[in-house]
Amino acid sequence: MSSAEYKVVETTTVTDESLEEIINTWVGHGWTLDTIHFAMRESSRRPAMAFVLFVRSAPENAGIGAGESSPRV
């Protein structure tokens, strides 16, 4: 049975440059971009936060807590 691992990266700096850096960093570590969710402010059209979700195939012997450490972005 094939399982998947998911990675969520939260950012409060929602610019094209910051999102590009997050995506390029995690894709470079073997993750695939899944989706981006934006949290909006009521008083602004600009997002207050973004959640960038990545996915990859989990190793067969991976258990809880078997993930890699997070690179700093």
N, C-alpha and C. Protein backbone atom coordinates (compact mmCIF):
# COMPACT_ATOMS: atom_id res chain seq x y z
N MET A 1 0.84 -1.17 0.00
CA MET A 1 0.00 0.00 0.00
C MET A 1 0.88 1.24 0.00
N SER A 2 0.63 2.14 -0.91
CA SER A 2 1.40 3.37 -1.01
C SER A 2 0.76 4.45 -0.16
N SER A 3 1.58 5.08 0.67
CA SER A 3 1.07 6.18 1.49
C SER A 3 1.80 7.46 1.11
N ALA A 4 1.26 8.56 1.56
CA ALA A 4 1.85 9.85 1.24
C ALA A 4 2.18 10.61 2.51
N GLU A 5 3.20 11.44 2.41
CA GLU A 5 3.55 12.36 3.48
C GLU A 5 3.15 13.76 3.01
N TYR A 6 2.71 14.57 3.94
CA TYR A 6 2.34 15.94 3.61
C TYR A 6 3.18 16.90 4.43
N LYS A 7 3.44 18.06 3.85
CA LYS A 7 4.21 19.12 4.50
C LYS A 7 3.42 20.41 4.34
N VAL A 8 3.23 21.14 5.44
CA VAL A 8 2.54 22.42 5.40
C VAL A 8 3.53 23.50 5.83
N VAL A 9 3.68 24.52 5.01
CA VAL A 9 4.55 25.64 5.32
C VAL A 9 3.67 26.89 5.43
N GLU A 10 3.74 27.55 6.57
CA GLU A 10 2.93 28.74 6.84
C GLU A 10 3.81 29.98 6.66
N THR A 11 3.26 31.01 6.03
CA THR A 11 4.00 32.25 5.89
C THR A 11 3.07 33.44 6.09
N THR A 12 3.58 34.46 6.75
CA THR A 12 2.83 35.70 6.90
C THR A 12 3.32 36.75 5.91
N THR A 13 4.40 36.45 5.22
CA THR A 13 4.90 37.32 4.16
C THR A 13 4.39 36.76 2.84
N VAL A 14 3.27 37.30 2.36
CA VAL A 14 2.63 36.75 1.17
C VAL A 14 2.95 37.63 -0.03
N THR A 15 4.11 37.37 -0.61
CA THR A 15 4.54 38.05 -1.83
C THR A 15 4.94 36.98 -2.83
N ASP A 16 5.03 37.38 -4.09
CA ASP A 16 5.45 36.40 -5.10
C ASP A 16 6.85 35.88 -4.79
N GLU A 17 7.73 36.75 -4.30
CA GLU A 17 9.10 36.33 -4.00
C GLU A 17 9.14 35.33 -2.85
N SER A 18 8.37 35.58 -1.78
CA SER A 18 8.40 34.66 -0.63
C SER A 18 7.79 33.31 -0.99
N LEU A 19 6.70 33.32 -1.75
CA LEU A 19 6.09 32.05 -2.16
C LEU A 19 7.01 31.28 -3.10
N GLU A 20 7.66 32.00 -4.01
CA GLU A 20 8.63 31.38 -4.92
C GLU A 20 9.77 30.71 -4.14
N GLU A 21 10.28 31.39 -3.13
CA GLU A 21 11.37 30.84 -2.32
C GLU A 21 10.93 29.57 -1.58
N ILE A 22 9.74 29.61 -0.99
CA ILE A 22 9.22 28.44 -0.28
C ILE A 22 9.06 27.27 -1.23
N ILE A 23 8.44 27.51 -2.37
CA ILE A 23 8.21 26.44 -3.35
C ILE A 23 9.52 25.87 -3.86
N ASN A 24 10.44 26.73 -4.27
CA ASN A 24 11.72 26.25 -4.80
C ASN A 24 12.52 25.48 -3.75
N THR A 25 12.48 25.92 -2.50
CA THR A 25 13.20 25.23 -1.43
C THR A 25 12.68 23.82 -1.23
N TRP A 26 11.36 23.68 -1.07
CA TRP A 26 10.79 22.36 -0.75
C TRP A 26 10.76 21.42 -1.95
N VAL A 27 10.57 21.96 -3.16
CA VAL A 27 10.64 21.11 -4.36
C VAL A 27 12.07 20.59 -4.50
N GLY A 28 13.04 21.41 -4.15
CA GLY A 28 14.45 20.99 -4.17
C GLY A 28 14.75 19.89 -3.17
N HIS A 29 13.91 19.73 -2.15
CA HIS A 29 14.07 18.67 -1.16
C HIS A 29 13.19 17.45 -1.48
N GLY A 30 12.66 17.37 -2.70
CA GLY A 30 11.93 16.19 -3.13
C GLY A 30 10.42 16.23 -2.91
N TRP A 31 9.88 17.36 -2.49
CA TRP A 31 8.44 17.48 -2.29
C TRP A 31 7.79 18.00 -3.57
N THR A 32 6.51 17.74 -3.76
CA THR A 32 5.74 18.22 -4.90
C THR A 32 4.68 19.19 -4.39
N LEU A 33 4.58 20.34 -5.03
CA LEU A 33 3.58 21.33 -4.63
C LEU A 33 2.19 20.74 -4.81
N ASP A 34 1.38 20.82 -3.77
CA ASP A 34 0.01 20.31 -3.82
C ASP A 34 -0.97 21.46 -4.00
N THR A 35 -0.95 22.42 -3.11
CA THR A 35 -1.88 23.55 -3.20
C THR A 35 -1.41 24.69 -2.31
N ILE A 36 -1.99 25.86 -2.52
CA ILE A 36 -1.73 27.02 -1.67
C ILE A 36 -3.08 27.55 -1.20
N HIS A 37 -3.20 27.76 0.10
CA HIS A 37 -4.42 28.33 0.68
C HIS A 37 -4.08 29.69 1.28
N PHE A 38 -4.95 30.66 1.03
CA PHE A 38 -4.74 32.00 1.54
C PHE A 38 -5.75 32.34 2.63
N ALA A 39 -5.28 32.99 3.69
CA ALA A 39 -6.15 33.50 4.76
C ALA A 39 -6.26 35.00 4.54
N MET A 40 -7.48 35.45 4.37
CA MET A 40 -7.72 36.85 4.03
C MET A 40 -8.09 37.68 5.26
N ARG A 41 -7.81 38.97 5.18
CA ARG A 41 -8.27 39.94 6.18
C ARG A 41 -9.58 40.51 5.67
N GLU A 42 -10.47 40.83 6.59
CA GLU A 42 -11.73 41.44 6.19
C GLU A 42 -11.53 42.84 5.62
N SER A 43 -10.55 43.56 6.13
CA SER A 43 -10.35 44.95 5.75
C SER A 43 -9.42 45.14 4.54
N SER A 44 -8.97 44.06 3.93
CA SER A 44 -8.00 44.17 2.85
C SER A 44 -8.22 43.09 1.81
N ARG A 45 -7.85 43.39 0.60
CA ARG A 45 -7.91 42.38 -0.47
C ARG A 45 -6.65 41.53 -0.49
N ARG A 46 -5.65 41.95 0.26
CA ARG A 46 -4.38 41.23 0.31
C ARG A 46 -4.44 40.14 1.37
N PRO A 47 -3.91 38.95 1.06
CA PRO A 47 -3.93 37.87 2.06
C PRO A 47 -3.04 38.20 3.26
N ALA A 48 -3.51 37.79 4.43
CA ALA A 48 -2.74 37.98 5.66
C ALA A 48 -1.72 36.86 5.84
N MET A 49 -2.06 35.67 5.37
CA MET A 49 -1.19 34.49 5.50
C MET A 49 -1.41 33.57 4.31
N ALA A 50 -0.43 32.70 4.12
CA ALA A 50 -0.57 31.64 3.11
C ALA A 50 -0.08 30.34 3.72
N PHE A 51 -0.76 29.27 3.36
CA PHE A 51 -0.36 27.91 3.75
C PHE A 51 -0.03 27.17 2.47
N VAL A 52 1.23 26.79 2.31
CA VAL A 52 1.70 26.12 1.11
C VAL A 52 1.81 24.63 1.45
N LEU A 53 1.07 23.79 0.72
CA LEU A 53 1.04 22.36 1.01
C LEU A 53 1.80 21.58 -0.05
N PHE A 54 2.63 20.65 0.44
CA PHE A 54 3.44 19.78 -0.41
C PHE A 54 3.12 18.33 -0.08
N VAL A 55 3.41 17.45 -1.02
CA VAL A 55 3.17 16.02 -0.84
C VAL A 55 4.33 15.24 -1.46
N ARG A 56 4.58 14.06 -0.91
CA ARG A 56 5.55 13.13 -1.52
C ARG A 56 5.19 11.72 -1.06
N SER A 57 5.67 10.73 -1.78
CA SER A 57 5.44 9.34 -1.41
C SER A 57 6.22 9.03 -0.14
N ALA A 58 5.57 8.39 0.80
CA ALA A 58 6.22 8.01 2.04
C ALA A 58 7.00 6.72 1.84
N PRO A 59 8.17 6.60 2.45
CA PRO A 59 8.90 5.33 2.38
C PRO A 59 8.08 4.21 3.01
N GLU A 60 8.27 3.00 2.55
CA GLU A 60 7.51 1.85 3.03
C GLU A 60 7.63 1.65 4.54
N ASN A 61 8.81 1.91 5.10
CA ASN A 61 9.04 1.65 6.51
C ASN A 61 8.90 2.90 7.39
N ALA A 62 8.30 3.97 6.84
CA ALA A 62 8.17 5.21 7.60
C ALA A 62 7.09 5.06 8.66
N GLY A 63 7.42 5.48 9.85
CA GLY A 63 6.46 5.47 10.94
C GLY A 63 6.22 6.88 11.42
N ILE A 64 5.50 7.01 12.49
CA ILE A 64 5.24 8.32 13.05
C ILE A 64 6.55 8.93 13.52
N GLY A 65 6.77 10.17 13.13
CA GLY A 65 7.99 10.87 13.54
C GLY A 65 9.21 10.52 12.70
N ALA A 66 9.02 9.87 11.56
CA ALA A 66 10.16 9.47 10.74
C ALA A 66 10.52 10.51 9.68
N GLY A 67 9.93 11.70 9.76
CA GLY A 67 10.18 12.73 8.75
C GLY A 67 11.54 13.38 8.91
N GLU A 68 11.92 14.14 7.90
CA GLU A 68 13.20 14.85 7.93
C GLU A 68 13.02 16.17 8.66
N SER A 69 14.10 16.75 9.07
CA SER A 69 14.02 18.05 9.71
C SER A 69 13.72 19.11 8.67
N SER A 70 13.10 20.18 9.10
CA SER A 70 12.66 21.24 8.20
C SER A 70 13.80 22.18 7.86
N PRO A 71 14.00 22.44 6.56
CA PRO A 71 14.97 23.47 6.19
C PRO A 71 14.41 24.84 6.54
N ARG A 72 15.26 25.77 6.86
CA ARG A 72 14.82 27.14 7.19
C ARG A 72 14.60 27.92 5.92
N VAL A 73 13.47 28.61 5.86
CA VAL A 73 13.17 29.46 4.70
C VAL A 73 13.02 30.87 5.15
